[in-house]
Amino acid sequence: MASDDIIRVDVDDEGVRWAGETVRASENCTIRLIVLKDGGSAAARQSVLEIFHSLGTTGEGIEKFRMVALDVPPTANLPKIRQLWEHGDGKG
């Protein structure tokens, strides 16, 4: 799922809502990255967000998982995003 997707929600017998099938997909995608630098510190996560923001993404850091979630709209610089992601992946 990505931002602006429309999904079906199912409610179980206890009233808990569960994400179901995608009814209408947006043109956005979500990329999640584990930040290894400095143990995934807040500063390291913010640095990753800023680097990708310059390529047209928005996002947020998730402290519990040392992760960032990037919202990538179709207007973002996808070739540069992929190049940066692969560079980071190669560096560990």
C-alpha atoms as a PDB file:
ATOM      1  CA  MET A   1       0.000   0.000   0.000  1.00  0.00           C
ATOM      2  CA  ALA A   2       1.063   3.556  -0.667  1.00  0.00           C
ATOM      3  CA  SER A   3      -0.335   6.979   0.110  1.00  0.00           C
ATOM      4  CA  ASP A   4      -3.538   7.794  -1.753  1.00  0.00           C
ATOM      5  CA  ASP A   5      -4.334   4.109  -2.411  1.00  0.00           C
ATOM      6  CA  ILE A   6      -7.943   3.233  -1.685  1.00  0.00           C
ATOM      7  CA  ILE A   7      -8.327  -0.074   0.087  1.00  0.00           C
ATOM      8  CA  ARG A   8     -11.178  -2.241   1.292  1.00  0.00           C
ATOM      9  CA  VAL A   9     -11.354  -2.581   5.065  1.00  0.00           C
ATOM     10  CA  ASP A  10     -12.723  -5.701   6.721  1.00  0.00           C
ATOM     11  CA  VAL A  11     -14.012  -5.640  10.295  1.00  0.00           C
ATOM     12  CA  ASP A  12     -13.733  -8.803  12.371  1.00  0.00           C
ATOM     13  CA  ASP A  13     -16.166 -10.000  15.055  1.00  0.00           C
ATOM     14  CA  GLU A  14     -14.328  -7.952  17.700  1.00  0.00           C
ATOM     15  CA  GLY A  15     -14.576  -4.729  15.691  1.00  0.00           C
ATOM     16  CA  VAL A  16     -10.919  -4.714  14.662  1.00  0.00           C
ATOM     17  CA  ARG A  17     -10.359  -3.266  11.200  1.00  0.00           C
ATOM     18  CA  TRP A  18      -8.022  -5.091   8.816  1.00  0.00           C
ATOM     19  CA  ALA A  19      -6.630  -3.780   5.538  1.00  0.00           C
ATOM     20  CA  GLY A  20      -7.991  -5.776   2.643  1.00  0.00           C
ATOM     21  CA  GLU A  21      -7.569  -5.632  -1.095  1.00  0.00           C
ATOM     22  CA  THR A  22      -6.618  -2.504  -2.995  1.00  0.00           C
ATOM     23  CA  VAL A  23      -9.693  -1.023  -4.657  1.00  0.00           C
ATOM     24  CA  ARG A  24      -7.829   1.730  -6.507  1.00  0.00           C
ATOM     25  CA  ALA A  25      -4.068   2.081  -6.589  1.00  0.00           C
ATOM     26  CA  SER A  26      -2.480   5.504  -6.682  1.00  0.00           C
ATOM     27  CA  GLU A  27       0.619   6.154  -8.728  1.00  0.00           C
ATOM     28  CA  ASN A  28       2.661   6.493  -5.518  1.00  0.00           C
ATOM     29  CA  CYS A  29       4.866   3.863  -3.987  1.00  0.00           C
ATOM     30  CA  THR A  30       6.277   3.447  -0.505  1.00  0.00           C
ATOM     31  CA  ILE A  31       9.861   2.406   0.110  1.00  0.00           C
ATOM     32  CA  ARG A  32      11.015   1.380   3.569  1.00  0.00           C
ATOM     33  CA  LEU A  33      14.706   1.500   4.434  1.00  0.00           C
ATOM     34  CA  ILE A  34      16.492   0.229   7.533  1.00  0.00           C
ATOM     35  CA  VAL A  35      19.054   2.816   8.607  1.00  0.00           C
ATOM     36  CA  LEU A  36      22.268   1.192   9.821  1.00  0.00           C
ATOM     37  CA  LYS A  37      24.419   4.313  10.238  1.00  0.00           C
ATOM     38  CA  ASP A  38      24.857   5.271  13.908  1.00  0.00           C
ATOM     39  CA  GLY A  39      22.507   2.476  14.949  1.00  0.00           C
ATOM     40  CA  GLY A  40      19.599   4.124  13.150  1.00  0.00           C
ATOM     41  CA  SER A  41      19.766   7.242  15.333  1.00  0.00           C
ATOM     42  CA  ALA A  42      17.296  10.076  14.870  1.00  0.00           C
ATOM     43  CA  ALA A  43      20.020  12.142  13.185  1.00  0.00           C
ATOM     44  CA  ALA A  44      20.875   9.299  10.789  1.00  0.00           C
ATOM     45  CA  ARG A  45      17.212   8.766   9.886  1.00  0.00           C
ATOM     46  CA  GLN A  46      16.739  12.497   9.324  1.00  0.00           C
ATOM     47  CA  SER A  47      19.802  12.572   7.085  1.00  0.00           C
ATOM     48  CA  VAL A  48      18.347   9.797   4.914  1.00  0.00           C
ATOM     49  CA  LEU A  49      14.993  11.605   4.705  1.00  0.00           C
ATOM     50  CA  GLU A  50      16.707  14.834   3.633  1.00  0.00           C
ATOM     51  CA  ILE A  51      18.792  13.151   0.943  1.00  0.00           C
ATOM     52  CA  PHE A  52      15.768  11.467  -0.610  1.00  0.00           C
ATOM     53  CA  HIS A  53      13.626  14.596  -0.147  1.00  0.00           C
ATOM     54  CA  SER A  54      15.940  16.389  -2.563  1.00  0.00           C
ATOM     55  CA  LEU A  55      14.842  13.810  -5.171  1.00  0.00           C
ATOM     56  CA  GLY A  56      11.125  14.487  -4.697  1.00  0.00           C
ATOM     57  CA  THR A  57      10.077  12.192  -1.857  1.00  0.00           C
ATOM     58  CA  THR A  58       8.486  12.831   1.505  1.00  0.00           C
ATOM     59  CA  GLY A  59       8.643  10.483   4.440  1.00  0.00           C
ATOM     60  CA  GLU A  60       9.013   9.794   8.105  1.00  0.00           C
ATOM     61  CA  GLY A  61      11.393   8.080  10.486  1.00  0.00           C
ATOM     62  CA  ILE A  62      10.266   5.142  12.608  1.00  0.00           C
ATOM     63  CA  GLU A  63      12.448   4.974  15.719  1.00  0.00           C
ATOM     64  CA  LYS A  64      11.326   1.545  16.930  1.00  0.00           C
ATOM     65  CA  PHE A  65      12.556  -0.159  13.764  1.00  0.00           C
ATOM     66  CA  ARG A  66      15.468   2.201  12.877  1.00  0.00           C
ATOM     67  CA  MET A  67      13.605   2.716   9.620  1.00  0.00           C
ATOM     68  CA  VAL A  68      12.452   5.426   7.276  1.00  0.00           C
ATOM     69  CA  ALA A  69       9.369   5.157   5.106  1.00  0.00           C
ATOM     70  CA  LEU A  70       9.572   7.146   1.897  1.00  0.00           C
ATOM     71  CA  ASP A  71       6.511   8.219  -0.072  1.00  0.00           C
ATOM     72  CA  VAL A  72       7.556   8.326  -3.709  1.00  0.00           C
ATOM     73  CA  PRO A  73       5.172  10.142  -6.071  1.00  0.00           C
ATOM     74  CA  PRO A  74       5.365   9.577  -9.835  1.00  0.00           C
ATOM     75  CA  THR A  75       6.968  13.023 -10.219  1.00  0.00           C
ATOM     76  CA  ALA A  76      10.011  12.029  -8.122  1.00  0.00           C
ATOM     77  CA  ASN A  77      13.367  11.394  -9.774  1.00  0.00           C
ATOM     78  CA  LEU A  78      13.042   7.583  -9.872  1.00  0.00           C
ATOM     79  CA  PRO A  79      16.347   6.816 -11.632  1.00  0.00           C
ATOM     80  CA  LYS A  80      18.294   8.876  -9.057  1.00  0.00           C
ATOM     81  CA  ILE A  81      16.321   7.336  -6.172  1.00  0.00           C
ATOM     82  CA  ARG A  82      17.178   3.858  -7.399  1.00  0.00           C
ATOM     83  CA  GLN A  83      20.830   4.806  -7.908  1.00  0.00           C
ATOM     84  CA  LEU A  84      21.054   6.231  -4.377  1.00  0.00           C
ATOM     85  CA  TRP A  85      19.285   3.197  -2.897  1.00  0.00           C
ATOM     86  CA  GLU A  86      21.607   0.762  -4.694  1.00  0.00           C
ATOM     87  CA  HIS A  87      24.651   2.760  -3.600  1.00  0.00           C
ATOM     88  CA  GLY A  88      23.517   2.607   0.030  1.00  0.00           C
ATOM     89  CA  ASP A  89      22.699  -1.085  -0.262  1.00  0.00           C
ATOM     90  CA  GLY A  90      26.177  -1.784  -1.641  1.00  0.00           C
ATOM     91  CA  LYS A  91      27.757   0.113   1.259  1.00  0.00           C
ATOM     92  CA  GLY A  92      25.732  -1.916   3.779  1.00  0.00           C
END
